[in-house]
N, C-alpha and C. Protein backbone atom coordinates (compact mmCIF):
# COMPACT_ATOMS: atom_id res chain seq x y z
N MET A 1 16.44 58.23 46.53
CA MET A 1 17.03 58.72 45.29
C MET A 1 18.42 57.80 45.25
N LYS A 2 19.08 58.28 46.09
CA LYS A 2 20.47 57.74 46.34
C LYS A 2 20.66 56.05 46.65
N PHE A 3 19.68 55.84 47.54
CA PHE A 3 19.91 54.40 47.97
C PHE A 3 19.12 53.55 46.69
N LEU A 4 18.03 54.04 46.02
CA LEU A 4 17.82 53.37 44.92
C LEU A 4 18.97 53.07 43.89
N PHE A 5 19.91 54.39 44.00
CA PHE A 5 20.76 54.04 42.76
C PHE A 5 22.05 53.09 42.81
N SER A 6 22.07 52.96 44.09
CA SER A 6 23.04 52.06 45.17
C SER A 6 22.88 50.89 45.17
N VAL A 7 21.14 50.35 45.09
CA VAL A 7 20.75 48.99 45.17
C VAL A 7 20.93 48.66 43.66
N THR A 8 20.76 49.58 42.80
CA THR A 8 20.80 49.31 41.15
C THR A 8 22.26 49.05 41.04
N ILE A 9 23.20 49.19 41.24
CA ILE A 9 24.39 49.35 41.25
C ILE A 9 25.17 48.09 41.88
N ILE A 10 24.92 47.87 42.68
CA ILE A 10 25.11 46.52 43.31
C ILE A 10 24.50 45.45 42.58
N LEU A 11 23.05 45.51 42.40
CA LEU A 11 22.47 44.29 42.05
C LEU A 11 23.13 43.99 40.28
N LEU A 12 23.60 45.09 39.81
CA LEU A 12 24.30 45.03 38.33
C LEU A 12 26.15 44.55 38.37
N THR A 13 26.27 44.78 39.38
CA THR A 13 27.80 44.37 39.57
C THR A 13 27.83 42.90 40.40
N LEU A 14 26.97 42.09 41.06
CA LEU A 14 26.95 41.21 41.44
C LEU A 14 27.02 40.08 39.93
N ALA A 15 28.01 38.59 40.28
CA ALA A 15 27.90 37.87 39.25
C ALA A 15 26.58 37.25 39.10
N VAL A 16 26.44 37.51 37.34
CA VAL A 16 24.89 36.57 37.42
C VAL A 16 25.08 35.22 36.52
N ASN A 17 24.55 34.36 37.47
CA ASN A 17 24.95 32.70 36.89
C ASN A 17 23.71 32.09 36.36
N ALA A 18 24.08 31.73 35.02
CA ALA A 18 23.00 31.17 34.56
C ALA A 18 23.52 30.00 33.34
N GLN A 19 22.59 29.22 33.02
CA GLN A 19 22.82 28.17 32.39
C GLN A 19 22.37 27.83 30.84
N ASP A 20 22.94 27.29 29.54
CA ASP A 20 22.44 27.41 28.46
C ASP A 20 21.01 26.30 28.40
N LEU A 21 20.27 27.08 27.57
CA LEU A 21 18.96 25.98 27.19
C LEU A 21 19.27 25.12 26.25
N VAL A 22 19.12 23.92 26.76
CA VAL A 22 19.49 23.10 26.07
C VAL A 22 18.11 21.82 25.90
N TYR A 23 17.84 21.97 24.48
CA TYR A 23 16.49 21.26 23.89
C TYR A 23 17.10 19.66 23.98
N LYS A 24 16.32 18.87 24.30
CA LYS A 24 16.37 17.56 24.22
C LYS A 24 15.18 16.84 23.60
N PRO A 25 15.01 16.26 22.35
CA PRO A 25 13.40 16.24 22.13
C PRO A 25 13.41 14.54 22.79
N LYS A 26 11.88 14.64 23.04
CA LYS A 26 11.38 12.94 23.56
C LYS A 26 11.16 12.35 22.69
N ASN A 27 10.53 13.04 21.36
CA ASN A 27 9.94 11.66 20.32
C ASN A 27 10.89 11.27 19.39
N PRO A 28 11.07 9.85 19.39
CA PRO A 28 12.32 9.29 19.06
C PRO A 28 12.12 9.91 17.23
N ALA A 29 11.16 9.94 16.92
CA ALA A 29 10.96 10.76 15.55
C ALA A 29 11.70 11.96 15.08
N PHE A 30 12.35 12.52 16.17
CA PHE A 30 12.87 13.93 15.92
C PHE A 30 14.02 13.99 17.12
N GLY A 31 14.63 12.75 16.83
CA GLY A 31 16.01 12.36 17.35
C GLY A 31 16.19 11.92 18.83
N GLY A 32 15.06 11.70 19.64
CA GLY A 32 14.89 11.49 20.98
C GLY A 32 15.23 10.16 21.74
N ASP A 33 15.30 10.33 22.68
CA ASP A 33 15.46 8.53 23.19
C ASP A 33 14.32 7.21 22.19
N THR A 34 15.51 6.38 21.88
CA THR A 34 14.26 5.32 21.51
C THR A 34 13.27 4.60 22.45
N PHE A 35 13.95 4.50 23.57
CA PHE A 35 13.13 3.93 24.68
C PHE A 35 11.50 4.62 25.38
N ASN A 36 11.63 5.98 24.39
CA ASN A 36 10.45 6.81 24.90
C ASN A 36 9.48 6.47 23.58
N TYR A 37 9.30 5.17 22.98
CA TYR A 37 8.48 5.22 21.80
C TYR A 37 7.25 4.41 22.65
N GLN A 38 7.43 3.31 23.42
CA GLN A 38 6.54 2.76 24.02
C GLN A 38 5.57 3.94 24.81
N TRP A 39 6.27 4.52 25.56
CA TRP A 39 5.53 5.32 26.48
C TRP A 39 4.81 6.69 25.82
N LEU A 40 5.30 7.06 24.48
CA LEU A 40 4.17 7.90 23.35
C LEU A 40 2.85 7.14 22.95
N ALA A 41 3.70 6.02 22.44
CA ALA A 41 2.55 5.11 21.47
C ALA A 41 1.33 4.89 22.61
N SER A 42 1.61 4.51 23.75
CA SER A 42 0.55 4.50 24.28
C SER A 42 -0.17 5.75 25.22
N SER A 43 0.27 6.83 25.04
CA SER A 43 -0.34 8.14 25.41
C SER A 43 -1.19 8.52 24.23
N ALA A 44 -0.53 8.14 23.35
CA ALA A 44 -1.20 8.60 22.12
C ALA A 44 -2.50 7.96 21.78
N GLU A 45 -2.37 6.49 22.21
CA GLU A 45 -3.78 5.43 22.11
C GLU A 45 -4.47 5.83 22.85
N SER A 46 -4.16 6.39 24.41
CA SER A 46 -5.02 6.45 25.64
C SER A 46 -6.08 7.80 25.33
N GLN A 47 -5.53 8.82 24.53
CA GLN A 47 -5.70 9.93 24.28
C GLN A 47 -6.62 9.90 22.86
N ASN A 48 -6.73 9.00 22.03
CA ASN A 48 -7.59 8.56 20.73
C ASN A 48 -8.58 8.46 21.27
N SER A 49 -9.77 9.62 20.61
CA SER A 49 -11.07 9.26 21.27
C SER A 49 -11.89 8.60 19.99
N PHE A 50 -11.18 8.65 18.82
CA PHE A 50 -11.66 7.36 17.63
C PHE A 50 -11.48 6.09 17.58
N LYS A 51 -12.95 5.65 17.61
CA LYS A 51 -12.51 4.20 17.40
C LYS A 51 -12.86 3.80 16.02
N ASP A 52 -12.14 2.53 15.67
CA ASP A 52 -11.98 2.00 14.25
C ASP A 52 -13.48 1.36 13.96
N LYS A 53 -13.80 2.07 12.98
CA LYS A 53 -15.11 0.91 12.16
C LYS A 53 -15.25 -0.65 12.33
N ILE A 54 -16.45 -1.47 12.58
CA ILE A 54 -16.05 -2.66 12.35
C ILE A 54 -16.81 -2.62 11.25
N ASP A 55 -15.41 -3.60 10.37
CA ASP A 55 -16.13 -4.17 8.59
C ASP A 55 -16.76 -5.14 9.04
N THR A 56 -18.19 -4.78 9.06
CA THR A 56 -19.30 -6.26 8.66
C THR A 56 -19.07 -7.00 7.30
N SER A 57 -18.63 -6.66 6.19
CA SER A 57 -18.37 -6.90 5.23
C SER A 57 -17.69 -8.23 5.08
N GLN A 58 -16.62 -8.29 6.10
CA GLN A 58 -15.48 -9.37 6.06
C GLN A 58 -16.33 -10.44 6.75
N LYS A 59 -17.49 -10.97 6.81
CA LYS A 59 -17.66 -12.20 7.84
C LYS A 59 -17.43 -13.43 7.41
N PRO A 60 -17.10 -14.33 7.74
CA PRO A 60 -16.95 -15.50 7.02
C PRO A 60 -17.72 -16.18 6.53
N GLN A 61 -17.46 -16.87 5.63
CA GLN A 61 -18.03 -17.20 4.46
C GLN A 61 -18.83 -19.10 5.42
N THR A 62 -19.82 -19.14 5.12
CA THR A 62 -20.76 -20.14 5.17
C THR A 62 -20.10 -21.48 4.21
N GLU A 63 -20.31 -22.71 4.74
CA GLU A 63 -20.25 -23.72 3.51
C GLU A 63 -21.03 -23.45 2.39
N LEU A 64 -22.16 -23.40 2.58
CA LEU A 64 -22.69 -23.10 1.04
C LEU A 64 -22.74 -21.92 0.38
N GLU A 65 -22.18 -20.84 0.64
CA GLU A 65 -21.48 -19.85 0.09
C GLU A 65 -19.65 -20.29 -0.91
N ARG A 66 -19.13 -20.79 0.34
CA ARG A 66 -18.14 -21.31 -0.43
C ARG A 66 -18.16 -22.34 -1.34
N PHE A 67 -19.21 -23.52 -1.12
CA PHE A 67 -19.45 -24.05 -2.30
C PHE A 67 -19.74 -23.54 -3.48
N THR A 68 -20.79 -22.29 -3.61
CA THR A 68 -21.09 -21.65 -4.56
C THR A 68 -20.48 -20.81 -5.31
N ALA A 69 -19.46 -20.59 -4.55
CA ALA A 69 -18.30 -19.98 -4.93
C ALA A 69 -17.11 -20.92 -5.92
N ASN A 70 -17.41 -21.85 -5.62
CA ASN A 70 -16.25 -22.54 -5.92
C ASN A 70 -16.83 -23.45 -7.37
N LEU A 71 -18.23 -23.94 -7.13
CA LEU A 71 -18.79 -24.34 -8.30
C LEU A 71 -18.80 -23.44 -9.58
N ASN A 72 -19.32 -22.03 -8.71
CA ASN A 72 -18.64 -20.51 -9.98
C ASN A 72 -17.80 -20.86 -10.85
N SER A 73 -16.25 -20.84 -10.11
CA SER A 73 -15.36 -20.78 -10.52
C SER A 73 -14.92 -22.06 -11.38
N GLN A 74 -15.42 -23.12 -10.94
CA GLN A 74 -15.26 -24.13 -12.04
C GLN A 74 -16.10 -24.23 -13.13
N LEU A 75 -17.21 -23.46 -13.20
CA LEU A 75 -17.71 -23.60 -14.47
C LEU A 75 -17.33 -22.69 -15.53
N LEU A 76 -16.80 -21.45 -14.63
CA LEU A 76 -16.12 -20.55 -15.32
C LEU A 76 -15.16 -20.89 -16.42
N ASN A 77 -14.21 -21.58 -15.53
CA ASN A 77 -13.12 -22.25 -15.76
C ASN A 77 -13.04 -23.03 -17.14
N GLN A 78 -14.39 -24.24 -17.44
CA GLN A 78 -14.99 -25.15 -18.27
C GLN A 78 -15.24 -23.89 -19.13
N VAL A 79 -16.04 -23.16 -19.23
CA VAL A 79 -16.36 -22.31 -20.10
C VAL A 79 -15.31 -21.49 -21.21
N SER A 80 -14.18 -21.07 -20.20
CA SER A 80 -12.62 -20.48 -20.79
C SER A 80 -12.12 -21.66 -21.59
N SER A 81 -12.10 -22.47 -20.86
CA SER A 81 -11.41 -23.60 -21.35
C SER A 81 -12.03 -24.07 -22.88
N SER A 82 -13.50 -24.02 -22.92
CA SER A 82 -13.49 -24.33 -24.05
C SER A 82 -13.74 -23.52 -25.23
N LEU A 83 -13.97 -22.20 -24.85
CA LEU A 83 -13.72 -21.14 -25.63
C LEU A 83 -11.91 -20.87 -26.26
N PHE A 84 -11.20 -21.26 -25.43
CA PHE A 84 -9.83 -21.34 -25.85
C PHE A 84 -9.59 -22.31 -26.64
N THR A 85 -10.14 -23.19 -26.60
CA THR A 85 -10.26 -24.88 -27.36
C THR A 85 -10.69 -24.65 -28.96
N GLN A 86 -11.98 -24.01 -29.10
CA GLN A 86 -12.57 -23.21 -30.17
C GLN A 86 -12.03 -22.10 -31.04
N GLN A 87 -10.97 -21.63 -30.00
CA GLN A 87 -10.25 -20.34 -30.43
C GLN A 87 -8.87 -20.65 -31.18
N PHE A 88 -8.32 -21.70 -30.52
CA PHE A 88 -7.09 -22.00 -31.16
C PHE A 88 -6.74 -23.67 -31.30
N GLY A 89 -7.90 -24.28 -30.95
CA GLY A 89 -7.57 -25.47 -31.30
C GLY A 89 -6.73 -26.46 -30.47
N ASN A 90 -5.95 -27.30 -30.77
CA ASN A 90 -5.60 -28.72 -29.44
C ASN A 90 -3.42 -27.76 -29.37
N ARG A 91 -3.58 -27.01 -30.84
CA ARG A 91 -2.18 -26.31 -30.51
C ARG A 91 -2.20 -25.65 -29.64
N GLY A 92 -2.76 -24.61 -28.87
CA GLY A 92 -2.32 -24.09 -28.43
C GLY A 92 -2.33 -22.30 -28.71
N ILE A 93 -1.81 -21.57 -28.16
CA ILE A 93 -1.48 -20.16 -28.84
C ILE A 93 -0.55 -19.87 -29.74
N THR A 94 -0.69 -19.18 -30.90
CA THR A 94 -0.22 -19.62 -31.88
C THR A 94 0.19 -17.51 -32.07
N ILE A 95 1.18 -17.63 -33.14
CA ILE A 95 1.32 -16.31 -33.10
C ILE A 95 0.48 -15.04 -34.18
N GLY A 96 -0.06 -13.97 -33.84
CA GLY A 96 -0.86 -13.25 -34.30
C GLY A 96 -2.39 -12.52 -33.77
N SER A 97 -2.68 -11.68 -34.48
CA SER A 97 -3.65 -10.70 -33.45
C SER A 97 -5.27 -11.54 -33.48
N TYR A 98 -5.34 -11.58 -32.56
CA TYR A 98 -7.29 -12.11 -32.18
C TYR A 98 -7.75 -11.03 -31.46
N THR A 99 -9.25 -11.28 -31.77
CA THR A 99 -10.14 -10.23 -31.33
C THR A 99 -11.23 -11.00 -30.32
N PHE A 100 -11.81 -10.81 -29.13
CA PHE A 100 -12.69 -11.48 -28.26
C PHE A 100 -13.45 -10.55 -28.16
N GLY A 101 -14.67 -10.03 -28.71
CA GLY A 101 -15.62 -8.84 -28.31
C GLY A 101 -14.81 -7.56 -27.91
N SER A 102 -14.48 -6.75 -27.15
CA SER A 102 -13.72 -5.51 -27.27
C SER A 102 -12.49 -5.80 -26.49
N LEU A 103 -11.82 -6.98 -26.33
CA LEU A 103 -10.21 -7.29 -26.08
C LEU A 103 -9.85 -7.40 -27.39
N SER A 104 -8.93 -6.64 -27.89
CA SER A 104 -7.89 -7.16 -28.94
C SER A 104 -6.54 -7.59 -28.42
N ILE A 105 -5.84 -8.49 -28.88
CA ILE A 105 -4.63 -9.53 -28.36
C ILE A 105 -4.20 -9.49 -29.41
N GLU A 106 -2.73 -9.51 -29.26
CA GLU A 106 -1.44 -9.53 -29.87
C GLU A 106 -0.68 -10.47 -29.38
N VAL A 107 -0.16 -11.72 -30.19
CA VAL A 107 0.79 -12.33 -29.83
C VAL A 107 1.98 -12.21 -30.72
N TYR A 108 3.20 -12.55 -29.94
CA TYR A 108 4.75 -12.39 -31.05
C TYR A 108 5.60 -12.59 -30.15
N PRO A 109 6.95 -13.36 -30.60
CA PRO A 109 8.12 -13.43 -29.70
C PRO A 109 8.53 -12.40 -29.55
N SER A 110 9.30 -12.55 -28.53
CA SER A 110 10.46 -11.28 -28.02
C SER A 110 11.73 -11.98 -27.53
N SER A 111 12.27 -11.43 -27.00
CA SER A 111 13.87 -11.69 -26.65
C SER A 111 13.79 -12.71 -25.17
N GLY A 112 12.61 -12.23 -24.59
CA GLY A 112 12.28 -13.03 -22.97
C GLY A 112 11.32 -13.95 -23.38
N GLY A 113 10.67 -14.33 -24.76
CA GLY A 113 9.79 -14.94 -24.69
C GLY A 113 8.64 -14.70 -25.60
N LEU A 114 7.71 -15.53 -25.33
CA LEU A 114 6.48 -15.31 -26.28
C LEU A 114 5.43 -13.96 -25.63
N THR A 115 5.22 -12.89 -26.21
CA THR A 115 4.59 -12.08 -25.48
C THR A 115 3.37 -11.70 -26.09
N VAL A 116 2.10 -11.45 -25.05
CA VAL A 116 0.97 -11.10 -25.22
C VAL A 116 0.22 -9.91 -24.82
N ASP A 117 0.07 -9.43 -25.55
CA ASP A 117 -0.14 -8.00 -25.15
C ASP A 117 -1.82 -7.91 -25.32
N ILE A 118 -2.71 -7.39 -24.42
CA ILE A 118 -3.97 -7.35 -24.35
C ILE A 118 -4.25 -6.20 -24.12
N LEU A 119 -5.45 -5.41 -25.02
CA LEU A 119 -5.96 -4.28 -25.22
C LEU A 119 -7.77 -4.06 -25.13
N ASP A 120 -7.71 -3.58 -24.21
CA ASP A 120 -9.17 -3.51 -23.79
C ASP A 120 -9.88 -2.15 -24.73
N THR A 121 -10.51 -2.22 -25.80
CA THR A 121 -10.79 -1.24 -26.79
C THR A 121 -11.76 -0.23 -26.01
N LYS A 122 -12.48 -0.65 -24.98
CA LYS A 122 -13.40 0.08 -24.61
C LYS A 122 -13.15 1.07 -23.67
N THR A 123 -11.93 0.56 -22.61
CA THR A 123 -11.57 1.28 -21.62
C THR A 123 -10.46 1.86 -21.35
N GLY A 124 -8.98 1.30 -22.94
CA GLY A 124 -8.04 1.75 -23.04
C GLY A 124 -7.27 1.33 -21.97
N GLU A 125 -7.30 0.17 -21.23
CA GLU A 125 -6.62 -0.53 -20.79
C GLU A 125 -5.74 -1.48 -21.40
N GLN A 126 -4.19 -1.48 -20.67
CA GLN A 126 -3.42 -2.76 -21.69
C GLN A 126 -2.70 -3.70 -20.76
N THR A 127 -2.66 -4.68 -21.23
CA THR A 127 -1.77 -5.26 -20.04
C THR A 127 -1.10 -6.50 -21.10
N GLN A 128 0.24 -6.70 -20.40
CA GLN A 128 1.25 -7.53 -21.31
C GLN A 128 1.67 -8.77 -20.51
N VAL A 129 1.04 -9.47 -21.17
CA VAL A 129 2.19 -11.07 -20.22
C VAL A 129 2.90 -11.62 -21.13
N ILE A 130 4.44 -11.66 -20.29
CA ILE A 130 5.26 -12.41 -21.36
C ILE A 130 5.58 -13.78 -20.70
N ILE A 131 5.14 -14.85 -21.47
CA ILE A 131 5.57 -16.27 -21.38
C ILE A 131 6.89 -16.64 -21.69
N PRO A 132 8.02 -17.33 -20.60
CA PRO A 132 9.57 -17.28 -20.85
C PRO A 132 9.56 -18.41 -21.39
N ASN A 133 10.91 -18.31 -22.17
CA ASN A 133 11.41 -19.32 -23.05
C ASN A 133 11.53 -20.48 -21.84
N ASN A 134 11.44 -21.65 -22.71
CA ASN A 134 11.85 -22.98 -21.91
C ASN A 134 13.31 -23.19 -21.37
């Protein structure tokens, strides 16, 4: 018992050396070294078991598909141009209120230029177009 007590006293009296625990983050997002970024990104990529889905909807258009889309665009442009001429004549847009089906259009002057408010009465969507003054 004396032996055990003396060993305990000797161990307690010896100088204990220790150092501070210092945390240094590795991830640059949390204050770590910026040179670790490439290493962390490559490690994460190598552990990633998920594969990106291949988007098959974005296949390149054939010449025929491009021609058809272009033709449709030109036809719609002609129709809208003729409707515009029927509604407004050769004068262009004049100040006032107009209705095209479910679209309610109001044209009025403002400090920024000519303002066109478009309201879809079915859905409640609104759009405002400002045509600047010259």
